[in-house]
Amino acid sequence: MEVLDGPKLRTTVTGPIADMVPETTHEYPMVALAENLFLVHESSLRTWIPLTFYQLPTGERYVHFGGRATPKVS
């Protein structure tokens, strides 16, 4: 996952699953709902998917999207 200016979310499927999907990269506009909370819409779904940014008490920063928490890397 990459967060781009716009803001926009880019997801890229990698590994063995990438060979099974027609498109490995998708970009979704992010709609701000609240501080650190955004929504993205997948055209094949009838609902919006929340995307949340948060920081652990120990300082690590994460994004939570699609049932997955991913640590921030530079």
PDB file of N, CA and C in Angstrom:
ATOM      1  N   MET A   1       0.839  -1.179   0.000  1.00  0.00           N
ATOM      2  CA  MET A   1       0.000   0.000   0.000  1.00  0.00           C
ATOM      3  C   MET A   1       0.881   1.238   0.000  1.00  0.00           C
ATOM      4  N   GLU A   2       0.447   2.217  -0.785  1.00  0.00           N
ATOM      5  CA  GLU A   2       1.119   3.510  -0.821  1.00  0.00           C
ATOM      6  C   GLU A   2       0.062   4.598  -0.729  1.00  0.00           C
ATOM      7  N   VAL A   3       0.325   5.608   0.068  1.00  0.00           N
ATOM      8  CA  VAL A   3      -0.555   6.765   0.140  1.00  0.00           C
ATOM      9  C   VAL A   3       0.105   7.863  -0.674  1.00  0.00           C
ATOM     10  N   LEU A   4      -0.608   8.340  -1.679  1.00  0.00           N
ATOM     11  CA  LEU A   4      -0.099   9.343  -2.604  1.00  0.00           C
ATOM     12  C   LEU A   4      -0.806  10.669  -2.385  1.00  0.00           C
ATOM     13  N   ASP A   5      -0.227  11.738  -2.930  1.00  0.00           N
ATOM     14  CA  ASP A   5      -0.896  13.038  -2.869  1.00  0.00           C
ATOM     15  C   ASP A   5      -2.227  12.938  -3.576  1.00  0.00           C
ATOM     16  N   GLY A   6      -3.178  13.689  -3.071  1.00  0.00           N
ATOM     17  CA  GLY A   6      -4.501  13.711  -3.683  1.00  0.00           C
ATOM     18  C   GLY A   6      -5.626  13.820  -2.668  1.00  0.00           C
ATOM     19  N   PRO A   7      -5.707  13.112  -1.590  1.00  0.00           N
ATOM     20  CA  PRO A   7      -4.947  11.890  -1.314  1.00  0.00           C
ATOM     21  C   PRO A   7      -5.511  10.702  -2.073  1.00  0.00           C
ATOM     22  N   LYS A   8      -4.629   9.758  -2.326  1.00  0.00           N
ATOM     23  CA  LYS A   8      -4.989   8.579  -3.095  1.00  0.00           C
ATOM     24  C   LYS A   8      -4.269   7.368  -2.495  1.00  0.00           C
ATOM     25  N   LEU A   9      -4.941   6.216  -2.492  1.00  0.00           N
ATOM     26  CA  LEU A   9      -4.344   4.969  -2.023  1.00  0.00           C
ATOM     27  C   LEU A   9      -4.026   4.099  -3.226  1.00  0.00           C
ATOM     28  N   ARG A  10      -2.794   3.615  -3.295  1.00  0.00           N
ATOM     29  CA  ARG A  10      -2.401   2.668  -4.350  1.00  0.00           C
ATOM     30  C   ARG A  10      -2.107   1.334  -3.677  1.00  0.00           C
ATOM     31  N   THR A  11      -2.790   0.285  -4.145  1.00  0.00           N
ATOM     32  CA  THR A  11      -2.516  -1.064  -3.648  1.00  0.00           C
ATOM     33  C   THR A  11      -1.901  -1.877  -4.779  1.00  0.00           C
ATOM     34  N   THR A  12      -0.945  -2.715  -4.419  1.00  0.00           N
ATOM     35  CA  THR A  12      -0.290  -3.574  -5.403  1.00  0.00           C
ATOM     36  C   THR A  12      -0.259  -4.993  -4.864  1.00  0.00           C
ATOM     37  N   VAL A  13      -0.819  -5.909  -5.622  1.00  0.00           N
ATOM     38  CA  VAL A  13      -0.806  -7.328  -5.261  1.00  0.00           C
ATOM     39  C   VAL A  13       0.552  -7.900  -5.658  1.00  0.00           C
ATOM     40  N   THR A  14       1.168  -8.645  -4.753  1.00  0.00           N
ATOM     41  CA  THR A  14       2.475  -9.241  -5.017  1.00  0.00           C
ATOM     42  C   THR A  14       2.438 -10.731  -4.683  1.00  0.00           C
ATOM     43  N   GLY A  15       3.517 -11.415  -4.976  1.00  0.00           N
ATOM     44  CA  GLY A  15       3.634 -12.830  -4.650  1.00  0.00           C
ATOM     45  C   GLY A  15       2.818 -13.705  -5.578  1.00  0.00           C
ATOM     46  N   PRO A  16       2.537 -14.930  -5.140  1.00  0.00           N
ATOM     47  CA  PRO A  16       1.832 -15.898  -5.987  1.00  0.00           C
ATOM     48  C   PRO A  16       0.443 -15.429  -6.424  1.00  0.00           C
ATOM     49  N   ILE A  17      -0.218 -14.647  -5.594  1.00  0.00           N
ATOM     50  CA  ILE A  17      -1.569 -14.183  -5.942  1.00  0.00           C
ATOM     51  C   ILE A  17      -1.527 -13.243  -7.144  1.00  0.00           C
ATOM     52  N   ALA A  18      -0.432 -12.507  -7.315  1.00  0.00           N
ATOM     53  CA  ALA A  18      -0.322 -11.560  -8.431  1.00  0.00           C
ATOM     54  C   ALA A  18      -0.472 -12.256  -9.778  1.00  0.00           C
ATOM     55  N   ASP A  19      -0.079 -13.520  -9.869  1.00  0.00           N
ATOM     56  CA  ASP A  19      -0.213 -14.261 -11.118  1.00  0.00           C
ATOM     57  C   ASP A  19      -1.660 -14.653 -11.424  1.00  0.00           C
ATOM     58  N   MET A  20      -2.538 -14.511 -10.429  1.00  0.00           N
ATOM     59  CA  MET A  20      -3.920 -14.950 -10.590  1.00  0.00           C
ATOM     60  C   MET A  20      -4.908 -13.811 -10.821  1.00  0.00           C
ATOM     61  N   VAL A  21      -4.440 -12.569 -10.792  1.00  0.00           N
ATOM     62  CA  VAL A  21      -5.344 -11.437 -10.974  1.00  0.00           C
ATOM     63  C   VAL A  21      -4.982 -10.685 -12.250  1.00  0.00           C
ATOM     64  N   PRO A  22      -5.988 -10.143 -12.944  1.00  0.00           N
ATOM     65  CA  PRO A  22      -5.711  -9.458 -14.208  1.00  0.00           C
ATOM     66  C   PRO A  22      -4.945  -8.149 -14.025  1.00  0.00           C
ATOM     67  N   GLU A  23      -5.215  -7.431 -12.946  1.00  0.00           N
ATOM     68  CA  GLU A  23      -4.530  -6.167 -12.673  1.00  0.00           C
ATOM     69  C   GLU A  23      -3.947  -6.228 -11.268  1.00  0.00           C
ATOM     70  N   THR A  24      -2.663  -5.963 -11.156  1.00  0.00           N
ATOM     71  CA  THR A  24      -2.030  -6.058  -9.837  1.00  0.00           C
ATOM     72  C   THR A  24      -2.036  -4.732  -9.085  1.00  0.00           C
ATOM     73  N   THR A  25      -2.241  -3.623  -9.772  1.00  0.00           N
ATOM     74  CA  THR A  25      -2.213  -2.312  -9.118  1.00  0.00           C
ATOM     75  C   THR A  25      -3.540  -1.601  -9.297  1.00  0.00           C
ATOM     76  N   HIS A  26      -4.042  -1.043  -8.191  1.00  0.00           N
ATOM     77  CA  HIS A  26      -5.271  -0.251  -8.221  1.00  0.00           C
ATOM     78  C   HIS A  26      -5.035   1.037  -7.452  1.00  0.00           C
ATOM     79  N   GLU A  27      -5.685   2.108  -7.878  1.00  0.00           N
ATOM     80  CA  GLU A  27      -5.633   3.376  -7.165  1.00  0.00           C
ATOM     81  C   GLU A  27      -7.049   3.803  -6.804  1.00  0.00           C
ATOM     82  N   TYR A  28      -7.187   4.297  -5.572  1.00  0.00           N
ATOM     83  CA  TYR A  28      -8.487   4.704  -5.057  1.00  0.00           C
ATOM     84  C   TYR A  28      -8.386   6.109  -4.472  1.00  0.00           C
ATOM     85  N   PRO A  29      -9.272   7.030  -4.865  1.00  0.00           N
ATOM     86  CA  PRO A  29      -9.314   8.322  -4.179  1.00  0.00           C
ATOM     87  C   PRO A  29      -9.721   8.104  -2.725  1.00  0.00           C
ATOM     88  N   MET A  30      -9.096   8.845  -1.830  1.00  0.00           N
ATOM     89  CA  MET A  30      -9.422   8.767  -0.411  1.00  0.00           C
ATOM     90  C   MET A  30     -10.304   9.953  -0.038  1.00  0.00           C
ATOM     91  N   VAL A  31     -11.425   9.677   0.613  1.00  0.00           N
ATOM     92  CA  VAL A  31     -12.351  10.718   1.035  1.00  0.00           C
ATOM     93  C   VAL A  31     -12.220  10.865   2.548  1.00  0.00           C
ATOM     94  N   ALA A  32     -11.853  12.067   3.005  1.00  0.00           N
ATOM     95  CA  ALA A  32     -11.684  12.311   4.439  1.00  0.00           C
ATOM     96  C   ALA A  32     -13.035  12.275   5.145  1.00  0.00           C
ATOM     97  N   LEU A  33     -13.088  11.539   6.249  1.00  0.00           N
ATOM     98  CA  LEU A  33     -14.298  11.453   7.056  1.00  0.00           C
ATOM     99  C   LEU A  33     -14.075  12.111   8.414  1.00  0.00           C
ATOM    100  N   ALA A  34     -12.897  11.914   8.981  1.00  0.00           N
ATOM    101  CA  ALA A  34     -12.509  12.500  10.269  1.00  0.00           C
ATOM    102  C   ALA A  34     -10.992  12.495  10.314  1.00  0.00           C
ATOM    103  N   GLU A  35     -10.436  13.050  11.382  1.00  0.00           N
ATOM    104  CA  GLU A  35      -8.982  13.047  11.504  1.00  0.00           C
ATOM    105  C   GLU A  35      -8.477  11.608  11.499  1.00  0.00           C
ATOM    106  N   ASN A  36      -7.551  11.312  10.604  1.00  0.00           N
ATOM    107  CA  ASN A  36      -6.944   9.983  10.460  1.00  0.00           C
ATOM    108  C   ASN A  36      -7.909   8.897   9.995  1.00  0.00           C
ATOM    109  N   LEU A  37      -9.084   9.274   9.505  1.00  0.00           N
ATOM    110  CA  LEU A  37     -10.060   8.300   9.012  1.00  0.00           C
ATOM    111  C   LEU A  37     -10.509   8.725   7.618  1.00  0.00           C
ATOM    112  N   PHE A  38     -10.334   7.816   6.672  1.00  0.00           N
ATOM    113  CA  PHE A  38     -10.706   8.067   5.288  1.00  0.00           C
ATOM    114  C   PHE A  38     -11.568   6.918   4.796  1.00  0.00           C
ATOM    115  N   LEU A  39     -12.248   7.137   3.683  1.00  0.00           N
ATOM    116  CA  LEU A  39     -13.020   6.095   3.017  1.00  0.00           C
ATOM    117  C   LEU A  39     -12.527   5.963   1.587  1.00  0.00           C
ATOM    118  N   VAL A  40     -12.504   4.732   1.089  1.00  0.00           N
ATOM    119  CA  VAL A  40     -12.213   4.492  -0.322  1.00  0.00           C
ATOM    120  C   VAL A  40     -13.332   3.623  -0.869  1.00  0.00           C
ATOM    121  N   HIS A  41     -13.565   3.742  -2.163  1.00  0.00           N
ATOM    122  CA  HIS A  41     -14.661   2.990  -2.775  1.00  0.00           C
ATOM    123  C   HIS A  41     -14.110   2.097  -3.872  1.00  0.00           C
ATOM    124  N   GLU A  42     -14.369   0.827  -3.749  1.00  0.00           N
ATOM    125  CA  GLU A  42     -14.012  -0.155  -4.778  1.00  0.00           C
ATOM    126  C   GLU A  42     -15.238  -0.294  -5.681  1.00  0.00           C
ATOM    127  N   SER A  43     -15.063  -0.052  -6.974  1.00  0.00           N
ATOM    128  CA  SER A  43     -16.207  -0.020  -7.891  1.00  0.00           C
ATOM    129  C   SER A  43     -16.971  -1.333  -7.945  1.00  0.00           C
ATOM    130  N   SER A  44     -16.325  -2.450  -7.654  1.00  0.00           N
ATOM    131  CA  SER A  44     -17.025  -3.736  -7.716  1.00  0.00           C
ATOM    132  C   SER A  44     -17.828  -4.022  -6.442  1.00  0.00           C
ATOM    133  N   LEU A  45     -17.658  -3.207  -5.411  1.00  0.00           N
ATOM    134  CA  LEU A  45     -18.388  -3.390  -4.158  1.00  0.00           C
ATOM    135  C   LEU A  45     -19.466  -2.332  -4.019  1.00  0.00           C
ATOM    136  N   ARG A  46     -20.434  -2.599  -3.166  1.00  0.00           N
ATOM    137  CA  ARG A  46     -21.521  -1.641  -2.949  1.00  0.00           C
ATOM    138  C   ARG A  46     -21.300  -0.799  -1.700  1.00  0.00           C
ATOM    139  N   THR A  47     -20.128  -0.883  -1.134  1.00  0.00           N
ATOM    140  CA  THR A  47     -19.878  -0.175   0.113  1.00  0.00           C
ATOM    141  C   THR A  47     -18.542   0.541   0.067  1.00  0.00           C
ATOM    142  N   TRP A  48     -18.334   1.414   1.019  1.00  0.00           N
ATOM    143  CA  TRP A  48     -17.070   2.114   1.175  1.00  0.00           C
ATOM    144  C   TRP A  48     -16.212   1.337   2.166  1.00  0.00           C
ATOM    145  N   ILE A  49     -14.902   1.419   2.006  1.00  0.00           N
ATOM    146  CA  ILE A  49     -13.976   0.706   2.884  1.00  0.00           C
ATOM    147  C   ILE A  49     -13.219   1.740   3.710  1.00  0.00           C
ATOM    148  N   PRO A  50     -13.255   1.611   5.061  1.00  0.00           N
ATOM    149  CA  PRO A  50     -12.527   2.576   5.884  1.00  0.00           C
ATOM    150  C   PRO A  50     -11.020   2.340   5.836  1.00  0.00           C
ATOM    151  N   LEU A  51     -10.287   3.422   5.935  1.00  0.00           N
ATOM    152  CA  LEU A  51      -8.834   3.408   5.994  1.00  0.00           C
ATOM    153  C   LEU A  51      -8.460   4.311   7.175  1.00  0.00           C
ATOM    154  N   THR A  52      -7.768   3.751   8.167  1.00  0.00           N
ATOM    155  CA  THR A  52      -7.465   4.473   9.392  1.00  0.00           C
ATOM    156  C   THR A  52      -5.967   4.538   9.626  1.00  0.00           C
ATOM    157  N   PHE A  53      -5.491   5.705   9.983  1.00  0.00           N
ATOM    158  CA  PHE A  53      -4.096   5.880  10.385  1.00  0.00           C
ATOM    159  C   PHE A  53      -4.053   5.972  11.902  1.00  0.00           C
ATOM    160  N   TYR A  54      -3.087   5.301  12.525  1.00  0.00           N
ATOM    161  CA  TYR A  54      -2.964   5.376  13.981  1.00  0.00           C
ATOM    162  C   TYR A  54      -1.522   5.132  14.401  1.00  0.00           C
ATOM    163  N   GLN A  55      -1.245   5.462  15.665  1.00  0.00           N
ATOM    164  CA  GLN A  55       0.087   5.294  16.220  1.00  0.00           C
ATOM    165  C   GLN A  55      -0.023   4.520  17.522  1.00  0.00           C
ATOM    166  N   LEU A  56       0.842   3.528  17.691  1.00  0.00           N
ATOM    167  CA  LEU A  56       0.881   2.754  18.917  1.00  0.00           C
ATOM    168  C   LEU A  56       1.529   3.577  20.031  1.00  0.00           C
ATOM    169  N   PRO A  57       1.272   3.242  21.296  1.00  0.00           N
ATOM    170  CA  PRO A  57       1.904   3.974  22.405  1.00  0.00           C
ATOM    171  C   PRO A  57       3.435   3.955  22.334  1.00  0.00           C
ATOM    172  N   THR A  58       3.997   2.952  21.676  1.00  0.00           N
ATOM    173  CA  THR A  58       5.449   2.849  21.543  1.00  0.00           C
ATOM    174  C   THR A  58       5.989   3.666  20.371  1.00  0.00           C
ATOM    175  N   GLY A  59       5.096   4.327  19.601  1.00  0.00           N
ATOM    176  CA  GLY A  59       5.515   5.233  18.546  1.00  0.00           C
ATOM    177  C   GLY A  59       5.383   4.723  17.126  1.00  0.00           C
ATOM    178  N   GLU A  60       5.236   3.422  16.924  1.00  0.00           N
ATOM    179  CA  GLU A  60       5.096   2.892  15.562  1.00  0.00           C
ATOM    180  C   GLU A  60       3.790   3.374  14.949  1.00  0.00           C
ATOM    181  N   ARG A  61       3.878   3.761  13.665  1.00  0.00           N
ATOM    182  CA  ARG A  61       2.701   4.251  12.946  1.00  0.00           C
ATOM    183  C   ARG A  61       2.204   3.184  11.977  1.00  0.00           C
ATOM    184  N   TYR A  62       0.869   3.071  11.864  1.00  0.00           N
ATOM    185  CA  TYR A  62       0.227   2.048  11.041  1.00  0.00           C
ATOM    186  C   TYR A  62      -0.900   2.644  10.217  1.00  0.00           C
ATOM    187  N   VAL A  63      -1.253   1.917   9.150  1.00  0.00           N
ATOM    188  CA  VAL A  63      -2.485   2.175   8.415  1.00  0.00           C
ATOM    189  C   VAL A  63      -3.272   0.867   8.460  1.00  0.00           C
ATOM    190  N   HIS A  64      -4.567   0.975   8.710  1.00  0.00           N
ATOM    191  CA  HIS A  64      -5.433  -0.199   8.746  1.00  0.00           C
ATOM    192  C   HIS A  64      -6.405  -0.091   7.588  1.00  0.00           C
ATOM    193  N   PHE A  65      -6.386  -1.095   6.708  1.00  0.00           N
ATOM    194  CA  PHE A  65      -7.235  -1.076   5.525  1.00  0.00           C
ATOM    195  C   PHE A  65      -7.518  -2.502   5.091  1.00  0.00           C
ATOM    196  N   GLY A  66      -8.773  -2.793   4.806  1.00  0.00           N
ATOM    197  CA  GLY A  66      -9.150  -4.098   4.274  1.00  0.00           C
ATOM    198  C   GLY A  66      -8.829  -5.254   5.202  1.00  0.00           C
ATOM    199  N   GLY A  67      -8.964  -5.038   6.501  1.00  0.00           N
ATOM    200  CA  GLY A  67      -8.712  -6.113   7.462  1.00  0.00           C
ATOM    201  C   GLY A  67      -7.235  -6.343   7.737  1.00  0.00           C
ATOM    202  N   ARG A  68      -6.397  -5.433   7.314  1.00  0.00           N
ATOM    203  CA  ARG A  68      -4.953  -5.592   7.497  1.00  0.00           C
ATOM    204  C   ARG A  68      -4.338  -4.333   8.083  1.00  0.00           C
ATOM    205  N   ALA A  69      -3.533  -4.507   9.118  1.00  0.00           N
ATOM    206  CA  ALA A  69      -2.749  -3.405   9.680  1.00  0.00           C
ATOM    207  C   ALA A  69      -1.353  -3.475   9.101  1.00  0.00           C
ATOM    208  N   THR A  70      -0.902  -2.370   8.523  1.00  0.00           N
ATOM    209  CA  THR A  70       0.395  -2.326   7.852  1.00  0.00           C
ATOM    210  C   THR A  70       1.245  -1.229   8.471  1.00  0.00           C
ATOM    211  N   PRO A  71       2.478  -1.566   8.900  1.00  0.00           N
ATOM    212  CA  PRO A  71       3.332  -0.535   9.493  1.00  0.00           C
ATOM    213  C   PRO A  71       3.819   0.453   8.450  1.00  0.00           C
ATOM    214  N   LYS A  72       4.025   1.687   8.884  1.00  0.00           N
ATOM    215  CA  LYS A  72       4.564   2.716   7.985  1.00  0.00           C
ATOM    216  C   LYS A  72       6.053   2.464   7.792  1.00  0.00           C
ATOM    217  N   VAL A  73       6.483   2.565   6.556  1.00  0.00           N
ATOM    218  CA  VAL A  73       7.903   2.495   6.226  1.00  0.00           C
ATOM    219  C   VAL A  73       8.229   3.711   5.372  1.00  0.00           C
ATOM    220  N   SER A  74       9.473   4.146   5.441  1.00  0.00           N
ATOM    221  CA  SER A  74       9.881   5.319   4.670  1.00  0.00           C
ATOM    222  C   SER A  74      10.389   4.922   3.311  1.00  0.00           C
TER     223      SER A  74
END
